[in-house]
Amino acid sequence: MPIPKWLESLRDFINGRPNPIDAWTAIRRAGWSESYRCELSTLDLPSELPIHEAASEFLTRYGGLTIDVRGEVTLLPVECDDDIEHILDARESDGRDYYPVGRIDDECATCILIDGEGNFFLYIAPPGAEAPPWPVTDFKAAIRFAMQ
């Protein structure tokens, strides 16, 4: 089975650090295996946002995991509930169907979004600022942000 692009990116980033760890080990420690499947019905999905195929596929394959790579990356849409209104506004203003798939546990509590084409974005809402979601080249960029 080929390695998913986001996981390959995570592996490459982690293995570039001093004292590298194997990304597959980190993911497996979080409970992932090739047979892992998350039933969407077990997740608390935002009722305000219709889920699209890219989000559904990603969450079915990786939803519910908490990956500990210096900080936590939690792959649960509910983790972004506080930002749903901002995400809705960004969807309208940008014309993209952003959907929250998780959160990076950092000082800003950064949401990880995916659009209908499978592109990843980070949403950081500093108090009092309205900034659009920030495109990232891949999941590696999201993890690199979490490591800072």
N, C-alpha and C. Protein backbone atom coordinates (compact mmCIF):
# COMPACT_ATOMS: atom_id res chain seq x y z
N MET A 1 0.86 -1.19 0.00
CA MET A 1 0.00 0.00 0.00
C MET A 1 0.90 1.24 0.00
N PRO A 2 0.64 2.19 -0.91
CA PRO A 2 1.47 3.40 -0.93
C PRO A 2 1.24 4.26 0.31
N ILE A 3 2.28 4.96 0.71
CA ILE A 3 2.19 5.86 1.85
C ILE A 3 1.40 7.09 1.44
N PRO A 4 0.39 7.50 2.21
CA PRO A 4 -0.35 8.73 1.88
C PRO A 4 0.60 9.92 1.82
N LYS A 5 0.32 10.87 0.91
CA LYS A 5 1.19 12.02 0.70
C LYS A 5 1.45 12.78 2.00
N TRP A 6 0.40 13.02 2.80
CA TRP A 6 0.59 13.80 4.02
C TRP A 6 1.47 13.06 5.02
N LEU A 7 1.34 11.70 5.06
CA LEU A 7 2.15 10.93 5.99
C LEU A 7 3.59 10.86 5.52
N GLU A 8 3.80 10.75 4.21
CA GLU A 8 5.15 10.77 3.67
C GLU A 8 5.83 12.10 4.01
N SER A 9 5.09 13.19 3.89
CA SER A 9 5.62 14.50 4.22
C SER A 9 5.97 14.59 5.70
N LEU A 10 5.09 14.06 6.55
CA LEU A 10 5.34 14.05 7.99
C LEU A 10 6.59 13.23 8.29
N ARG A 11 6.72 12.07 7.67
CA ARG A 11 7.90 11.23 7.87
C ARG A 11 9.17 11.97 7.47
N ASP A 12 9.14 12.61 6.30
CA ASP A 12 10.32 13.33 5.82
C ASP A 12 10.70 14.44 6.78
N PHE A 13 9.72 15.15 7.31
CA PHE A 13 10.01 16.24 8.24
C PHE A 13 10.59 15.70 9.54
N ILE A 14 9.95 14.69 10.10
CA ILE A 14 10.40 14.13 11.38
C ILE A 14 11.80 13.53 11.22
N ASN A 15 12.03 12.84 10.14
CA ASN A 15 13.33 12.21 9.95
C ASN A 15 14.44 13.21 9.69
N GLY A 16 14.11 14.45 9.39
CA GLY A 16 15.10 15.50 9.23
C GLY A 16 15.51 16.13 10.54
N ARG A 17 14.82 15.83 11.62
CA ARG A 17 15.14 16.38 12.94
C ARG A 17 16.27 15.61 13.58
N PRO A 18 16.98 16.23 14.52
CA PRO A 18 17.93 15.45 15.33
C PRO A 18 17.14 14.37 16.09
N ASN A 19 17.75 13.25 16.33
CA ASN A 19 17.09 12.12 17.00
C ASN A 19 15.76 11.79 16.31
N PRO A 20 15.83 11.48 15.01
CA PRO A 20 14.59 11.25 14.27
C PRO A 20 13.82 10.05 14.80
N ILE A 21 12.52 10.14 14.65
CA ILE A 21 11.66 9.00 14.94
C ILE A 21 10.97 8.63 13.64
N ASP A 22 10.56 7.42 13.54
CA ASP A 22 9.86 6.95 12.35
C ASP A 22 8.40 7.42 12.42
N ALA A 23 7.95 8.08 11.36
CA ALA A 23 6.59 8.61 11.35
C ALA A 23 5.56 7.50 11.48
N TRP A 24 5.82 6.36 10.84
CA TRP A 24 4.87 5.25 10.97
C TRP A 24 4.73 4.84 12.43
N THR A 25 5.83 4.88 13.17
CA THR A 25 5.77 4.54 14.60
C THR A 25 4.89 5.53 15.34
N ALA A 26 5.07 6.83 15.06
CA ALA A 26 4.24 7.85 15.73
C ALA A 26 2.77 7.66 15.40
N ILE A 27 2.48 7.39 14.15
CA ILE A 27 1.08 7.20 13.73
C ILE A 27 0.51 5.92 14.35
N ARG A 28 1.29 4.85 14.34
CA ARG A 28 0.82 3.59 14.93
C ARG A 28 0.62 3.72 16.44
N ARG A 29 1.48 4.46 17.09
CA ARG A 29 1.29 4.71 18.53
C ARG A 29 -0.01 5.45 18.79
N ALA A 30 -0.43 6.24 17.82
CA ALA A 30 -1.70 6.97 17.95
C ALA A 30 -2.89 6.05 17.68
N GLY A 31 -2.63 4.83 17.24
CA GLY A 31 -3.71 3.87 17.00
C GLY A 31 -3.99 3.56 15.55
N TRP A 32 -3.19 4.11 14.64
CA TRP A 32 -3.42 3.88 13.22
C TRP A 32 -2.81 2.57 12.76
N SER A 33 -3.49 1.90 11.85
CA SER A 33 -2.97 0.73 11.15
C SER A 33 -3.57 0.76 9.76
N GLU A 34 -3.09 -0.08 8.88
CA GLU A 34 -3.63 -0.09 7.51
C GLU A 34 -5.12 -0.41 7.50
N SER A 35 -5.58 -1.13 8.48
CA SER A 35 -7.00 -1.46 8.53
C SER A 35 -7.83 -0.44 9.34
N TYR A 36 -7.15 0.58 9.88
CA TYR A 36 -7.85 1.59 10.68
C TYR A 36 -8.92 2.29 9.85
N ARG A 37 -10.08 2.40 10.42
CA ARG A 37 -11.16 3.17 9.82
C ARG A 37 -11.92 3.85 10.95
N CYS A 38 -12.25 5.08 10.73
CA CYS A 38 -13.05 5.83 11.69
C CYS A 38 -14.44 6.00 11.08
N GLU A 39 -15.43 5.55 11.78
CA GLU A 39 -16.81 5.74 11.33
C GLU A 39 -17.18 7.20 11.54
N LEU A 40 -17.57 7.88 10.48
CA LEU A 40 -17.93 9.29 10.60
C LEU A 40 -19.06 9.50 11.59
N SER A 41 -19.92 8.50 11.73
CA SER A 41 -21.05 8.63 12.66
C SER A 41 -20.59 8.71 14.12
N THR A 42 -19.34 8.32 14.40
CA THR A 42 -18.82 8.40 15.76
C THR A 42 -18.18 9.75 16.07
N LEU A 43 -18.00 10.57 15.04
CA LEU A 43 -17.39 11.88 15.22
C LEU A 43 -18.45 12.95 15.39
N ASP A 44 -18.14 13.95 16.17
CA ASP A 44 -19.01 15.10 16.35
C ASP A 44 -18.68 16.07 15.21
N LEU A 45 -19.45 15.99 14.12
CA LEU A 45 -19.20 16.82 12.94
C LEU A 45 -19.99 18.12 13.03
N PRO A 46 -19.44 19.21 12.51
CA PRO A 46 -20.16 20.49 12.58
C PRO A 46 -21.43 20.45 11.73
N SER A 47 -22.55 20.73 12.34
CA SER A 47 -23.82 20.71 11.61
C SER A 47 -23.94 21.87 10.63
N GLU A 48 -23.15 22.93 10.85
CA GLU A 48 -23.21 24.11 10.00
C GLU A 48 -22.52 23.92 8.66
N LEU A 49 -21.69 22.89 8.54
CA LEU A 49 -20.90 22.68 7.34
C LEU A 49 -21.20 21.31 6.72
N PRO A 50 -21.56 21.28 5.45
CA PRO A 50 -21.72 19.98 4.81
C PRO A 50 -20.35 19.36 4.56
N ILE A 51 -20.21 18.09 4.89
CA ILE A 51 -18.93 17.42 4.67
C ILE A 51 -18.79 17.08 3.19
N HIS A 52 -17.61 17.25 2.65
CA HIS A 52 -17.37 16.90 1.25
C HIS A 52 -16.52 15.64 1.18
N GLU A 53 -16.37 15.12 -0.03
CA GLU A 53 -15.70 13.83 -0.22
C GLU A 53 -14.27 13.83 0.30
N ALA A 54 -13.50 14.88 0.05
CA ALA A 54 -12.10 14.90 0.50
C ALA A 54 -12.02 14.83 2.03
N ALA A 55 -12.87 15.58 2.72
CA ALA A 55 -12.88 15.56 4.19
C ALA A 55 -13.35 14.19 4.68
N SER A 56 -14.37 13.66 4.06
CA SER A 56 -14.90 12.36 4.45
C SER A 56 -13.84 11.27 4.31
N GLU A 57 -13.13 11.27 3.18
CA GLU A 57 -12.08 10.26 2.98
C GLU A 57 -10.95 10.42 3.99
N PHE A 58 -10.52 11.66 4.22
CA PHE A 58 -9.43 11.89 5.17
C PHE A 58 -9.84 11.45 6.58
N LEU A 59 -11.03 11.87 7.01
CA LEU A 59 -11.48 11.53 8.37
C LEU A 59 -11.76 10.04 8.53
N THR A 60 -12.25 9.38 7.49
CA THR A 60 -12.46 7.94 7.57
C THR A 60 -11.13 7.22 7.76
N ARG A 61 -10.10 7.71 7.12
CA ARG A 61 -8.79 7.07 7.18
C ARG A 61 -7.99 7.45 8.42
N TYR A 62 -8.15 8.70 8.92
CA TYR A 62 -7.30 9.17 10.01
C TYR A 62 -8.04 9.86 11.15
N GLY A 63 -9.32 10.06 11.03
CA GLY A 63 -10.09 10.77 12.05
C GLY A 63 -10.01 10.11 13.41
N GLY A 64 -10.00 10.93 14.44
CA GLY A 64 -9.97 10.43 15.80
C GLY A 64 -8.58 10.23 16.37
N LEU A 65 -7.56 10.32 15.54
CA LEU A 65 -6.19 10.12 16.03
C LEU A 65 -5.64 11.37 16.69
N THR A 66 -4.80 11.16 17.67
CA THR A 66 -4.02 12.24 18.26
C THR A 66 -2.56 11.84 18.09
N ILE A 67 -1.85 12.60 17.28
CA ILE A 67 -0.46 12.30 16.95
C ILE A 67 0.43 13.22 17.77
N ASP A 68 1.31 12.62 18.56
CA ASP A 68 2.18 13.40 19.43
C ASP A 68 3.54 13.53 18.77
N VAL A 69 3.80 14.71 18.19
CA VAL A 69 5.09 15.01 17.58
C VAL A 69 5.58 16.33 18.15
N ARG A 70 5.97 16.28 19.39
CA ARG A 70 6.42 17.45 20.17
C ARG A 70 5.24 18.24 20.71
N GLY A 71 4.22 18.37 19.97
CA GLY A 71 2.94 18.92 20.36
C GLY A 71 1.91 17.94 19.84
N GLU A 72 0.67 18.17 20.13
CA GLU A 72 -0.34 17.24 19.64
C GLU A 72 -1.02 17.77 18.39
N VAL A 73 -1.27 16.86 17.47
CA VAL A 73 -2.09 17.12 16.30
C VAL A 73 -3.30 16.20 16.46
N THR A 74 -4.46 16.79 16.72
CA THR A 74 -5.68 16.02 16.97
C THR A 74 -6.56 16.09 15.74
N LEU A 75 -6.88 14.93 15.17
CA LEU A 75 -7.65 14.87 13.94
C LEU A 75 -9.13 14.64 14.25
N LEU A 76 -9.75 15.68 14.80
CA LEU A 76 -11.17 15.69 15.14
C LEU A 76 -11.76 17.04 14.76
N PRO A 77 -12.80 17.08 13.92
CA PRO A 77 -13.42 18.36 13.55
C PRO A 77 -13.93 19.16 14.74
N VAL A 78 -14.41 18.48 15.79
CA VAL A 78 -14.97 19.16 16.95
C VAL A 78 -13.94 20.08 17.62
N GLU A 79 -12.67 19.80 17.42
CA GLU A 79 -11.62 20.63 18.02
C GLU A 79 -11.64 22.06 17.48
N CYS A 80 -12.33 22.27 16.35
CA CYS A 80 -12.39 23.61 15.74
C CYS A 80 -13.74 24.29 15.95
N ASP A 81 -14.56 23.77 16.85
CA ASP A 81 -15.90 24.34 17.07
C ASP A 81 -15.88 25.83 17.39
N ASP A 82 -14.88 26.29 18.12
CA ASP A 82 -14.83 27.71 18.48
C ASP A 82 -14.61 28.61 17.27
N ASP A 83 -14.14 28.04 16.18
CA ASP A 83 -13.83 28.83 14.99
C ASP A 83 -14.81 28.63 13.83
N ILE A 84 -15.90 27.92 14.05
CA ILE A 84 -16.83 27.61 12.96
C ILE A 84 -17.35 28.87 12.27
N GLU A 85 -17.71 29.89 13.03
CA GLU A 85 -18.23 31.12 12.40
C GLU A 85 -17.17 31.75 11.49
N HIS A 86 -15.92 31.75 11.93
CA HIS A 86 -14.84 32.29 11.12
C HIS A 86 -14.61 31.44 9.87
N ILE A 87 -14.71 30.13 10.02
CA ILE A 87 -14.54 29.23 8.88
C ILE A 87 -15.67 29.45 7.88
N LEU A 88 -16.90 29.60 8.36
CA LEU A 88 -18.02 29.90 7.47
C LEU A 88 -17.80 31.20 6.71
N ASP A 89 -17.32 32.23 7.41
CA ASP A 89 -17.03 33.51 6.76
C ASP A 89 -15.94 33.34 5.70
N ALA A 90 -14.92 32.58 6.02
CA ALA A 90 -13.82 32.36 5.06
C ALA A 90 -14.31 31.58 3.85
N ARG A 91 -15.18 30.61 4.06
CA ARG A 91 -15.75 29.86 2.93
C ARG A 91 -16.48 30.81 1.98
N GLU A 92 -17.24 31.72 2.56
CA GLU A 92 -18.01 32.65 1.75
C GLU A 92 -17.09 33.64 1.02
N SER A 93 -16.15 34.22 1.74
CA SER A 93 -15.30 35.24 1.13
C SER A 93 -14.29 34.65 0.14
N ASP A 94 -13.79 33.44 0.39
CA ASP A 94 -12.78 32.83 -0.48
C ASP A 94 -13.38 31.94 -1.57
N GLY A 95 -14.65 31.58 -1.40
CA GLY A 95 -15.27 30.68 -2.37
C GLY A 95 -14.72 29.26 -2.32
N ARG A 96 -14.18 28.87 -1.20
CA ARG A 96 -13.64 27.51 -1.03
C ARG A 96 -14.48 26.78 0.02
N ASP A 97 -14.59 25.49 -0.16
CA ASP A 97 -15.38 24.68 0.77
C ASP A 97 -14.49 24.10 1.87
N TYR A 98 -13.93 24.99 2.69
CA TYR A 98 -13.09 24.57 3.81
C TYR A 98 -13.89 23.68 4.76
N TYR A 99 -13.21 22.66 5.26
CA TYR A 99 -13.83 21.79 6.26
C TYR A 99 -12.76 21.48 7.32
N PRO A 100 -13.09 21.64 8.60
CA PRO A 100 -12.10 21.36 9.65
C PRO A 100 -11.90 19.86 9.83
N VAL A 101 -10.63 19.45 9.87
CA VAL A 101 -10.32 18.04 10.10
C VAL A 101 -9.49 17.83 11.36
N GLY A 102 -9.05 18.93 11.99
CA GLY A 102 -8.29 18.77 13.21
C GLY A 102 -7.70 20.07 13.69
N ARG A 103 -6.89 19.95 14.72
CA ARG A 103 -6.30 21.12 15.36
C ARG A 103 -4.87 20.79 15.79
N ILE A 104 -4.03 21.80 15.65
CA ILE A 104 -2.66 21.72 16.16
C ILE A 104 -2.69 22.38 17.53
N ASP A 105 -2.23 21.66 18.52
CA ASP A 105 -2.21 22.19 19.89
C ASP A 105 -1.00 23.10 20.04
N ASP A 106 -1.22 24.37 19.74
CA ASP A 106 -0.17 25.37 19.84
C ASP A 106 -0.75 26.59 20.54
N GLU A 107 0.02 27.65 20.63
CA GLU A 107 -0.44 28.86 21.33
C GLU A 107 -1.69 29.46 20.69
N CYS A 108 -1.84 29.27 19.38
CA CYS A 108 -2.98 29.86 18.66
C CYS A 108 -4.13 28.88 18.46
N ALA A 109 -3.96 27.62 18.83
CA ALA A 109 -4.96 26.60 18.58
C ALA A 109 -5.36 26.64 17.11
N THR A 110 -4.44 26.24 16.26
CA THR A 110 -4.57 26.33 14.81
C THR A 110 -5.43 25.20 14.25
N CYS A 111 -6.45 25.57 13.49
CA CYS A 111 -7.31 24.57 12.83
C CYS A 111 -6.64 24.09 11.55
N ILE A 112 -6.77 22.80 11.30
CA ILE A 112 -6.34 22.22 10.03
C ILE A 112 -7.59 22.04 9.19
N LEU A 113 -7.60 22.64 8.01
CA LEU A 113 -8.74 22.58 7.11
C LEU A 113 -8.35 21.84 5.84
N ILE A 114 -9.34 21.26 5.19
CA ILE A 114 -9.15 20.64 3.89
C ILE A 114 -10.26 21.15 2.99
N ASP A 115 -9.94 21.43 1.74
CA ASP A 115 -11.00 21.85 0.82
C ASP A 115 -11.45 20.65 -0.01
N GLY A 116 -12.42 20.86 -0.86
CA GLY A 116 -12.99 19.77 -1.65
C GLY A 116 -12.03 19.13 -2.63
N GLU A 117 -10.92 19.81 -2.92
CA GLU A 117 -9.91 19.26 -3.82
C GLU A 117 -8.81 18.53 -3.08
N GLY A 118 -8.89 18.49 -1.75
CA GLY A 118 -7.88 17.80 -0.95
C GLY A 118 -6.69 18.65 -0.56
N ASN A 119 -6.80 19.97 -0.75
CA ASN A 119 -5.73 20.88 -0.35
C ASN A 119 -5.87 21.20 1.14
N PHE A 120 -4.73 21.30 1.82
CA PHE A 120 -4.73 21.62 3.25
C PHE A 120 -4.51 23.11 3.47
N PHE A 121 -5.11 23.61 4.56
CA PHE A 121 -4.99 25.00 4.96
C PHE A 121 -4.88 25.04 6.48
N LEU A 122 -4.24 26.08 6.98
CA LEU A 122 -4.20 26.33 8.41
C LEU A 122 -5.03 27.57 8.67
N TYR A 123 -5.83 27.51 9.71
CA TYR A 123 -6.63 28.68 10.09
C TYR A 123 -6.21 29.12 11.48
N ILE A 124 -5.64 30.30 11.54
CA ILE A 124 -5.17 30.87 12.80
C ILE A 124 -5.95 32.16 13.01
N ALA A 125 -6.68 32.23 14.10
CA ALA A 125 -7.51 33.41 14.35
C ALA A 125 -6.98 34.16 15.56
N PRO A 126 -6.00 35.05 15.35
CA PRO A 126 -5.55 35.83 16.49
C PRO A 126 -6.69 36.72 16.98
N PRO A 127 -6.79 36.94 18.27
CA PRO A 127 -7.87 37.78 18.79
C PRO A 127 -7.90 39.15 18.10
N GLY A 128 -9.08 39.52 17.63
CA GLY A 128 -9.26 40.83 17.01
C GLY A 128 -8.80 40.92 15.57
N ALA A 129 -8.32 39.84 14.98
CA ALA A 129 -7.86 39.89 13.60
C ALA A 129 -8.67 38.92 12.75
N GLU A 130 -8.99 39.34 11.56
CA GLU A 130 -9.70 38.48 10.63
C GLU A 130 -8.74 38.15 9.48
N ALA A 131 -8.09 37.05 9.56
CA ALA A 131 -7.16 36.63 8.52
C ALA A 131 -7.73 35.41 7.81
N PRO A 132 -7.52 35.31 6.50
CA PRO A 132 -8.04 34.14 5.78
C PRO A 132 -7.22 32.89 6.10
N PRO A 133 -7.80 31.70 5.83
CA PRO A 133 -7.00 30.48 5.98
C PRO A 133 -5.77 30.56 5.09
N TRP A 134 -4.74 29.95 5.55
CA TRP A 134 -3.43 30.04 4.95
C TRP A 134 -3.13 28.73 4.25
N PRO A 135 -2.93 28.79 2.93
CA PRO A 135 -2.66 27.54 2.21
C PRO A 135 -1.29 26.98 2.60
N VAL A 136 -1.22 25.69 2.74
CA VAL A 136 0.05 25.03 3.00
C VAL A 136 0.25 24.01 1.90
N THR A 137 1.49 23.78 1.55
CA THR A 137 1.77 22.91 0.42
C THR A 137 1.34 21.47 0.67
N ASP A 138 1.41 21.06 1.91
CA ASP A 138 1.03 19.70 2.26
C ASP A 138 0.95 19.60 3.78
N PHE A 139 0.71 18.41 4.25
CA PHE A 139 0.57 18.21 5.69
C PHE A 139 1.89 18.50 6.41
N LYS A 140 3.01 18.31 5.71
CA LYS A 140 4.32 18.58 6.30
C LYS A 140 4.42 20.03 6.78
N ALA A 141 3.89 20.94 6.00
CA ALA A 141 3.94 22.34 6.39
C ALA A 141 3.14 22.58 7.67
N ALA A 142 2.02 21.89 7.82
CA ALA A 142 1.23 22.02 9.05
C ALA A 142 2.01 21.50 10.25
N ILE A 143 2.68 20.38 10.07
CA ILE A 143 3.47 19.82 11.15
C ILE A 143 4.66 20.73 11.47
N ARG A 144 5.31 21.26 10.44
CA ARG A 144 6.44 22.18 10.66
C ARG A 144 5.98 23.38 11.48
N PHE A 145 4.79 23.88 11.18
CA PHE A 145 4.23 24.98 11.94
C PHE A 145 4.04 24.57 13.40
N ALA A 146 3.56 23.36 13.62
CA ALA A 146 3.33 22.87 14.99
C ALA A 146 4.63 22.71 15.76
N MET A 147 5.73 22.51 15.07
CA MET A 147 7.01 22.29 15.73
C MET A 147 7.70 23.58 16.14
N GLN A 148 7.24 24.71 15.64
CA GLN A 148 7.91 25.98 15.95
C GLN A 148 7.66 26.41 17.37
